[in-house]
Amino acid sequence: MSQHPDQPAKVRLDKWLWAARFFKTRSLAKAAIDGGKVHLAGQRVKVSKEIAIGDMLQIRQGFDEKVIQVIQLSDQRRGAPDAQLLYQETADSIAKREAQALARKAAGGMIDRPAHRPNKQQRRQIHRFKNTRD
């Protein structure tokens, strides 16, 4: 892919993730990279790693894991439509995320949730029960 004149040759990974709007701040992007939530070509990377066009990234956010290919480089944060032009998610990744979302939604109906929070008496009973089981 040809490079635009105003497009930088290389960009730090944390800056690119912030510019592509995967994270709200660069410090959140840094924390995710340090925590092993971002992989480049299947390997853990450092925050200062410079990425290039064509690199494959795996990004885990909450329950979702996205596999994306870097299409353009940018170190400036712009609007969401511009940010979506920086990358392309693979078809396998999209299908996998949608299948997992459906499975979570289906399992959500099976979880029994209480109608309200326990009152003081019920909390004491819960604490007594938990402490006597040891």
N, C-alpha and C. Protein backbone atom coordinates (compact mmCIF):
# COMPACT_ATOMS: atom_id res chain seq x y z
N MET A 1 0.85 -1.18 0.00
CA MET A 1 0.00 0.00 0.00
C MET A 1 0.89 1.24 0.00
N SER A 2 0.59 2.19 -0.79
CA SER A 2 1.42 3.39 -0.87
C SER A 2 1.18 4.27 0.35
N GLN A 3 2.22 5.01 0.68
CA GLN A 3 2.15 5.84 1.86
C GLN A 3 1.79 7.27 1.49
N HIS A 4 0.94 7.88 2.31
CA HIS A 4 0.58 9.28 2.10
C HIS A 4 1.74 10.17 2.55
N PRO A 5 1.89 11.33 1.97
CA PRO A 5 2.99 12.21 2.37
C PRO A 5 2.92 12.63 3.84
N ASP A 6 1.70 12.82 4.38
CA ASP A 6 1.58 13.26 5.77
C ASP A 6 1.55 12.09 6.75
N GLN A 7 1.63 10.87 6.24
CA GLN A 7 1.57 9.69 7.09
C GLN A 7 2.97 9.33 7.58
N PRO A 8 3.14 9.13 8.89
CA PRO A 8 4.47 8.80 9.41
C PRO A 8 4.94 7.43 8.94
N ALA A 9 6.26 7.24 8.87
CA ALA A 9 6.82 5.96 8.41
C ALA A 9 6.60 4.87 9.46
N LYS A 10 6.80 5.20 10.72
CA LYS A 10 6.58 4.24 11.80
C LYS A 10 5.93 4.95 12.97
N VAL A 11 5.12 4.22 13.72
CA VAL A 11 4.40 4.79 14.86
C VAL A 11 4.52 3.82 16.03
N ARG A 12 4.67 4.38 17.21
CA ARG A 12 4.68 3.55 18.43
C ARG A 12 3.32 2.86 18.56
N LEU A 13 3.34 1.65 19.07
CA LEU A 13 2.12 0.85 19.20
C LEU A 13 1.08 1.54 20.08
N ASP A 14 1.50 2.09 21.22
CA ASP A 14 0.53 2.73 22.11
C ASP A 14 -0.13 3.94 21.46
N LYS A 15 0.65 4.71 20.69
CA LYS A 15 0.08 5.87 20.00
C LYS A 15 -0.91 5.43 18.93
N TRP A 16 -0.57 4.37 18.20
CA TRP A 16 -1.45 3.91 17.12
C TRP A 16 -2.76 3.37 17.69
N LEU A 17 -2.70 2.59 18.77
CA LEU A 17 -3.92 2.06 19.39
C LEU A 17 -4.82 3.19 19.89
N TRP A 18 -4.21 4.24 20.42
CA TRP A 18 -4.97 5.41 20.87
C TRP A 18 -5.57 6.14 19.67
N ALA A 19 -4.78 6.32 18.61
CA ALA A 19 -5.26 7.03 17.42
C ALA A 19 -6.36 6.23 16.71
N ALA A 20 -6.28 4.91 16.76
CA ALA A 20 -7.28 4.05 16.12
C ALA A 20 -8.51 3.86 17.01
N ARG A 21 -8.52 4.51 18.16
CA ARG A 21 -9.65 4.53 19.09
C ARG A 21 -9.98 3.18 19.72
N PHE A 22 -8.95 2.35 19.93
CA PHE A 22 -9.17 1.12 20.68
C PHE A 22 -9.17 1.42 22.17
N PHE A 23 -8.44 2.47 22.56
CA PHE A 23 -8.37 2.88 23.96
C PHE A 23 -8.57 4.39 24.04
N LYS A 24 -9.18 4.82 25.15
CA LYS A 24 -9.54 6.23 25.30
C LYS A 24 -8.31 7.12 25.57
N THR A 25 -7.32 6.56 26.24
CA THR A 25 -6.11 7.32 26.52
C THR A 25 -4.89 6.47 26.19
N ARG A 26 -3.75 7.14 26.04
CA ARG A 26 -2.51 6.40 25.78
C ARG A 26 -2.10 5.59 27.00
N SER A 27 -2.42 6.09 28.19
CA SER A 27 -2.05 5.33 29.39
C SER A 27 -2.86 4.03 29.49
N LEU A 28 -4.12 4.04 29.04
CA LEU A 28 -4.90 2.80 29.00
C LEU A 28 -4.33 1.83 27.97
N ALA A 29 -3.90 2.37 26.84
CA ALA A 29 -3.26 1.53 25.82
C ALA A 29 -1.98 0.92 26.36
N LYS A 30 -1.20 1.72 27.08
CA LYS A 30 0.05 1.23 27.68
C LYS A 30 -0.23 0.13 28.69
N ALA A 31 -1.25 0.32 29.51
CA ALA A 31 -1.60 -0.68 30.52
C ALA A 31 -2.03 -1.99 29.86
N ALA A 32 -2.78 -1.90 28.77
CA ALA A 32 -3.22 -3.10 28.07
C ALA A 32 -2.04 -3.84 27.45
N ILE A 33 -1.10 -3.10 26.88
CA ILE A 33 0.08 -3.72 26.27
C ILE A 33 0.93 -4.38 27.36
N ASP A 34 1.16 -3.67 28.45
CA ASP A 34 1.95 -4.22 29.56
C ASP A 34 1.27 -5.43 30.19
N GLY A 35 -0.06 -5.44 30.18
CA GLY A 35 -0.82 -6.55 30.76
C GLY A 35 -0.96 -7.75 29.83
N GLY A 36 -0.38 -7.68 28.65
CA GLY A 36 -0.42 -8.82 27.74
C GLY A 36 -1.71 -8.92 26.94
N LYS A 37 -2.46 -7.85 26.86
CA LYS A 37 -3.73 -7.86 26.13
C LYS A 37 -3.55 -7.55 24.64
N VAL A 38 -2.36 -7.12 24.25
CA VAL A 38 -2.08 -6.78 22.86
C VAL A 38 -0.88 -7.60 22.39
N HIS A 39 -1.06 -8.32 21.29
CA HIS A 39 0.02 -9.13 20.72
C HIS A 39 0.24 -8.73 19.28
N LEU A 40 1.48 -8.74 18.85
CA LEU A 40 1.86 -8.44 17.48
C LEU A 40 2.41 -9.72 16.89
N ALA A 41 1.74 -10.24 15.87
CA ALA A 41 2.13 -11.50 15.21
C ALA A 41 2.25 -12.63 16.24
N GLY A 42 1.35 -12.68 17.21
CA GLY A 42 1.32 -13.76 18.19
C GLY A 42 2.29 -13.59 19.35
N GLN A 43 3.06 -12.51 19.39
CA GLN A 43 4.05 -12.30 20.43
C GLN A 43 3.69 -11.08 21.28
N ARG A 44 3.99 -11.17 22.59
CA ARG A 44 3.83 -9.99 23.44
C ARG A 44 4.82 -8.93 23.00
N VAL A 45 4.44 -7.68 23.12
CA VAL A 45 5.30 -6.59 22.67
C VAL A 45 5.41 -5.53 23.76
N LYS A 46 6.37 -4.63 23.55
CA LYS A 46 6.54 -3.51 24.46
C LYS A 46 5.77 -2.31 23.93
N VAL A 47 5.53 -1.36 24.80
CA VAL A 47 4.75 -0.16 24.46
C VAL A 47 5.41 0.62 23.33
N SER A 48 6.73 0.68 23.34
CA SER A 48 7.46 1.49 22.37
C SER A 48 7.68 0.79 21.04
N LYS A 49 7.19 -0.41 20.87
CA LYS A 49 7.37 -1.15 19.61
C LYS A 49 6.78 -0.33 18.46
N GLU A 50 7.55 -0.20 17.40
CA GLU A 50 7.06 0.54 16.24
C GLU A 50 6.38 -0.44 15.29
N ILE A 51 5.17 -0.09 14.87
CA ILE A 51 4.43 -0.97 13.97
C ILE A 51 4.51 -0.43 12.55
N ALA A 52 4.25 -1.31 11.61
CA ALA A 52 4.29 -0.93 10.20
C ALA A 52 3.01 -1.39 9.53
N ILE A 53 2.77 -0.90 8.34
CA ILE A 53 1.59 -1.29 7.58
C ILE A 53 1.68 -2.78 7.27
N GLY A 54 0.57 -3.50 7.47
CA GLY A 54 0.52 -4.93 7.21
C GLY A 54 0.69 -5.79 8.45
N ASP A 55 1.06 -5.19 9.59
CA ASP A 55 1.22 -5.95 10.83
C ASP A 55 -0.13 -6.48 11.30
N MET A 56 -0.12 -7.67 11.90
CA MET A 56 -1.33 -8.28 12.44
C MET A 56 -1.29 -8.14 13.96
N LEU A 57 -2.36 -7.58 14.53
CA LEU A 57 -2.46 -7.38 15.98
C LEU A 57 -3.63 -8.17 16.53
N GLN A 58 -3.43 -8.75 17.73
CA GLN A 58 -4.53 -9.36 18.48
C GLN A 58 -4.76 -8.48 19.70
N ILE A 59 -5.99 -7.99 19.83
CA ILE A 59 -6.32 -7.06 20.91
C ILE A 59 -7.47 -7.65 21.70
N ARG A 60 -7.27 -7.79 23.01
CA ARG A 60 -8.33 -8.31 23.87
C ARG A 60 -8.88 -7.16 24.70
N GLN A 61 -10.20 -6.95 24.59
CA GLN A 61 -10.89 -5.91 25.37
C GLN A 61 -12.12 -6.55 25.99
N GLY A 62 -12.09 -6.74 27.30
CA GLY A 62 -13.21 -7.37 27.98
C GLY A 62 -13.35 -8.81 27.49
N PHE A 63 -14.55 -9.16 27.02
CA PHE A 63 -14.79 -10.51 26.51
C PHE A 63 -14.32 -10.65 25.06
N ASP A 64 -14.17 -9.55 24.37
CA ASP A 64 -13.87 -9.58 22.94
C ASP A 64 -12.38 -9.67 22.66
N GLU A 65 -12.05 -10.47 21.64
CA GLU A 65 -10.68 -10.52 21.14
C GLU A 65 -10.75 -10.27 19.65
N LYS A 66 -10.05 -9.24 19.21
CA LYS A 66 -10.08 -8.85 17.79
C LYS A 66 -8.72 -9.14 17.17
N VAL A 67 -8.76 -9.63 15.93
CA VAL A 67 -7.54 -9.81 15.14
C VAL A 67 -7.65 -8.82 14.00
N ILE A 68 -6.72 -7.87 13.96
CA ILE A 68 -6.80 -6.81 12.96
C ILE A 68 -5.50 -6.70 12.18
N GLN A 69 -5.61 -6.13 10.99
CA GLN A 69 -4.44 -5.83 10.17
C GLN A 69 -4.31 -4.32 10.07
N VAL A 70 -3.10 -3.83 10.27
CA VAL A 70 -2.82 -2.39 10.19
C VAL A 70 -2.81 -2.00 8.71
N ILE A 71 -3.66 -1.05 8.33
CA ILE A 71 -3.75 -0.61 6.95
C ILE A 71 -3.05 0.74 6.76
N GLN A 72 -3.20 1.62 7.74
CA GLN A 72 -2.56 2.93 7.68
C GLN A 72 -1.97 3.26 9.04
N LEU A 73 -1.01 4.16 9.04
CA LEU A 73 -0.40 4.60 10.29
C LEU A 73 -0.83 6.02 10.59
N SER A 74 -1.02 6.29 11.88
CA SER A 74 -1.35 7.63 12.32
C SER A 74 -0.95 7.78 13.77
N ASP A 75 -0.46 8.94 14.14
CA ASP A 75 -0.17 9.21 15.54
C ASP A 75 -1.05 10.33 16.07
N GLN A 76 -2.10 10.66 15.30
CA GLN A 76 -3.05 11.69 15.72
C GLN A 76 -4.44 11.07 15.83
N ARG A 77 -5.11 11.40 16.91
CA ARG A 77 -6.45 10.88 17.15
C ARG A 77 -7.47 11.76 16.42
N ARG A 78 -8.28 11.14 15.61
CA ARG A 78 -9.32 11.86 14.87
C ARG A 78 -10.66 11.20 15.17
N GLY A 79 -11.67 11.55 14.38
CA GLY A 79 -13.01 11.00 14.58
C GLY A 79 -13.06 9.51 14.30
N ALA A 80 -14.13 8.86 14.77
CA ALA A 80 -14.28 7.42 14.62
C ALA A 80 -14.26 6.97 13.16
N PRO A 81 -14.93 7.67 12.23
CA PRO A 81 -14.88 7.22 10.82
C PRO A 81 -13.45 7.22 10.27
N ASP A 82 -12.64 8.22 10.65
CA ASP A 82 -11.24 8.26 10.21
C ASP A 82 -10.43 7.15 10.87
N ALA A 83 -10.72 6.88 12.15
CA ALA A 83 -9.98 5.86 12.88
C ALA A 83 -10.23 4.47 12.31
N GLN A 84 -11.43 4.20 11.82
CA GLN A 84 -11.74 2.90 11.25
C GLN A 84 -11.01 2.64 9.95
N LEU A 85 -10.48 3.68 9.32
CA LEU A 85 -9.72 3.52 8.09
C LEU A 85 -8.29 3.06 8.36
N LEU A 86 -7.87 3.07 9.62
CA LEU A 86 -6.50 2.70 9.97
C LEU A 86 -6.30 1.19 10.03
N TYR A 87 -7.37 0.42 10.15
CA TYR A 87 -7.24 -1.03 10.32
C TYR A 87 -8.40 -1.75 9.66
N GLN A 88 -8.23 -3.08 9.54
CA GLN A 88 -9.30 -3.93 9.03
C GLN A 88 -9.31 -5.20 9.87
N GLU A 89 -10.46 -5.52 10.43
CA GLU A 89 -10.59 -6.74 11.22
C GLU A 89 -10.79 -7.92 10.29
N THR A 90 -10.16 -9.06 10.61
CA THR A 90 -10.27 -10.23 9.75
C THR A 90 -11.68 -10.83 9.84
N ALA A 91 -12.09 -11.52 8.79
CA ALA A 91 -13.42 -12.12 8.75
C ALA A 91 -13.56 -13.19 9.83
N ASP A 92 -12.50 -13.97 10.07
CA ASP A 92 -12.55 -15.00 11.12
C ASP A 92 -12.77 -14.37 12.49
N SER A 93 -12.12 -13.25 12.73
CA SER A 93 -12.24 -12.56 14.00
C SER A 93 -13.66 -12.07 14.23
N ILE A 94 -14.25 -11.50 13.18
CA ILE A 94 -15.63 -10.99 13.29
C ILE A 94 -16.59 -12.14 13.58
N ALA A 95 -16.45 -13.25 12.84
CA ALA A 95 -17.34 -14.40 13.03
C ALA A 95 -17.18 -14.98 14.43
N LYS A 96 -15.96 -15.09 14.90
CA LYS A 96 -15.70 -15.64 16.23
C LYS A 96 -16.30 -14.76 17.32
N ARG A 97 -16.12 -13.43 17.20
CA ARG A 97 -16.68 -12.51 18.20
C ARG A 97 -18.19 -12.59 18.24
N GLU A 98 -18.83 -12.65 17.05
CA GLU A 98 -20.29 -12.71 17.01
C GLU A 98 -20.80 -14.02 17.62
N ALA A 99 -20.10 -15.13 17.35
CA ALA A 99 -20.50 -16.42 17.93
C ALA A 99 -20.38 -16.40 19.45
N GLN A 100 -19.30 -15.81 19.96
CA GLN A 100 -19.11 -15.72 21.40
C GLN A 100 -20.15 -14.81 22.05
N ALA A 101 -20.51 -13.73 21.36
CA ALA A 101 -21.53 -12.82 21.89
C ALA A 101 -22.88 -13.53 21.98
N LEU A 102 -23.22 -14.31 20.96
CA LEU A 102 -24.47 -15.06 20.99
C LEU A 102 -24.46 -16.09 22.11
N ALA A 103 -23.33 -16.77 22.32
CA ALA A 103 -23.23 -17.76 23.39
C ALA A 103 -23.39 -17.10 24.76
N ARG A 104 -22.76 -15.92 24.93
CA ARG A 104 -22.90 -15.20 26.21
C ARG A 104 -24.35 -14.77 26.43
N LYS A 105 -24.99 -14.31 25.35
CA LYS A 105 -26.38 -13.86 25.46
C LYS A 105 -27.30 -15.03 25.81
N ALA A 106 -27.04 -16.19 25.19
CA ALA A 106 -27.86 -17.37 25.48
C ALA A 106 -27.64 -17.85 26.91
N ALA A 107 -26.41 -17.81 27.38
CA ALA A 107 -26.11 -18.26 28.74
C ALA A 107 -26.62 -17.27 29.78
N GLY A 108 -26.79 -16.02 29.40
CA GLY A 108 -27.25 -14.99 30.33
C GLY A 108 -28.62 -15.28 30.90
N GLY A 109 -29.48 -15.95 30.14
CA GLY A 109 -30.81 -16.29 30.62
C GLY A 109 -30.81 -17.39 31.64
N MET A 110 -29.73 -18.16 31.69
CA MET A 110 -29.66 -19.29 32.62
C MET A 110 -29.17 -18.87 34.00
N ILE A 111 -28.55 -17.72 34.09
CA ILE A 111 -28.02 -17.26 35.36
C ILE A 111 -29.17 -16.71 36.21
N ASP A 112 -29.27 -17.23 37.42
CA ASP A 112 -30.31 -16.78 38.33
C ASP A 112 -29.80 -15.57 39.10
N ARG A 113 -30.42 -14.47 38.88
CA ARG A 113 -30.02 -13.25 39.58
C ARG A 113 -31.12 -12.89 40.59
N PRO A 114 -30.69 -12.45 41.77
CA PRO A 114 -31.71 -12.06 42.76
C PRO A 114 -32.46 -10.82 42.30
N ALA A 115 -33.69 -10.71 42.75
CA ALA A 115 -34.54 -9.58 42.37
C ALA A 115 -34.10 -8.30 43.06
N HIS A 116 -33.47 -8.43 44.24
CA HIS A 116 -33.04 -7.25 44.98
C HIS A 116 -31.80 -7.60 45.82
N ARG A 117 -31.18 -6.57 46.38
CA ARG A 117 -30.02 -6.78 47.23
C ARG A 117 -30.47 -7.32 48.58
N PRO A 118 -29.62 -8.12 49.24
CA PRO A 118 -30.01 -8.64 50.56
C PRO A 118 -30.09 -7.51 51.59
N ASN A 119 -31.05 -7.65 52.51
CA ASN A 119 -31.14 -6.65 53.57
C ASN A 119 -30.15 -6.99 54.68
N LYS A 120 -30.15 -6.23 55.75
CA LYS A 120 -29.15 -6.39 56.80
C LYS A 120 -29.21 -7.79 57.43
N GLN A 121 -30.41 -8.26 57.68
CA GLN A 121 -30.57 -9.57 58.31
C GLN A 121 -30.06 -10.67 57.37
N GLN A 122 -30.39 -10.57 56.11
CA GLN A 122 -29.94 -11.57 55.14
C GLN A 122 -28.42 -11.54 54.97
N ARG A 123 -27.83 -10.36 55.00
CA ARG A 123 -26.37 -10.25 54.90
C ARG A 123 -25.70 -10.94 56.08
N ARG A 124 -26.24 -10.75 57.28
CA ARG A 124 -25.68 -11.41 58.47
C ARG A 124 -25.78 -12.92 58.34
N GLN A 125 -26.90 -13.41 57.82
CA GLN A 125 -27.05 -14.86 57.62
C GLN A 125 -26.03 -15.37 56.60
N ILE A 126 -25.80 -14.61 55.56
CA ILE A 126 -24.81 -15.01 54.55
C ILE A 126 -23.42 -15.07 55.16
N HIS A 127 -23.06 -14.04 55.95
CA HIS A 127 -21.74 -14.01 56.59
C HIS A 127 -21.58 -15.17 57.57
N ARG A 128 -22.63 -15.45 58.36
CA ARG A 128 -22.58 -16.57 59.30
C ARG A 128 -22.38 -17.88 58.56
N PHE A 129 -23.09 -18.05 57.46
CA PHE A 129 -23.01 -19.28 56.68
C PHE A 129 -21.60 -19.45 56.10
N LYS A 130 -21.05 -18.39 55.57
CA LYS A 130 -19.71 -18.46 54.96
C LYS A 130 -18.63 -18.72 56.00
N ASN A 131 -18.76 -18.13 57.21
CA ASN A 131 -17.75 -18.27 58.24
C ASN A 131 -17.81 -19.64 58.92
N THR A 132 -18.95 -20.28 58.98
CA THR A 132 -19.06 -21.57 59.67
C THR A 132 -18.70 -22.74 58.77
N ARG A 133 -18.61 -22.52 57.48
CA ARG A 133 -18.29 -23.63 56.56
C ARG A 133 -16.82 -24.00 56.57
N ASP A 134 -15.94 -23.16 57.08
CA ASP A 134 -14.48 -23.41 57.01
C ASP A 134 -14.07 -24.61 57.75
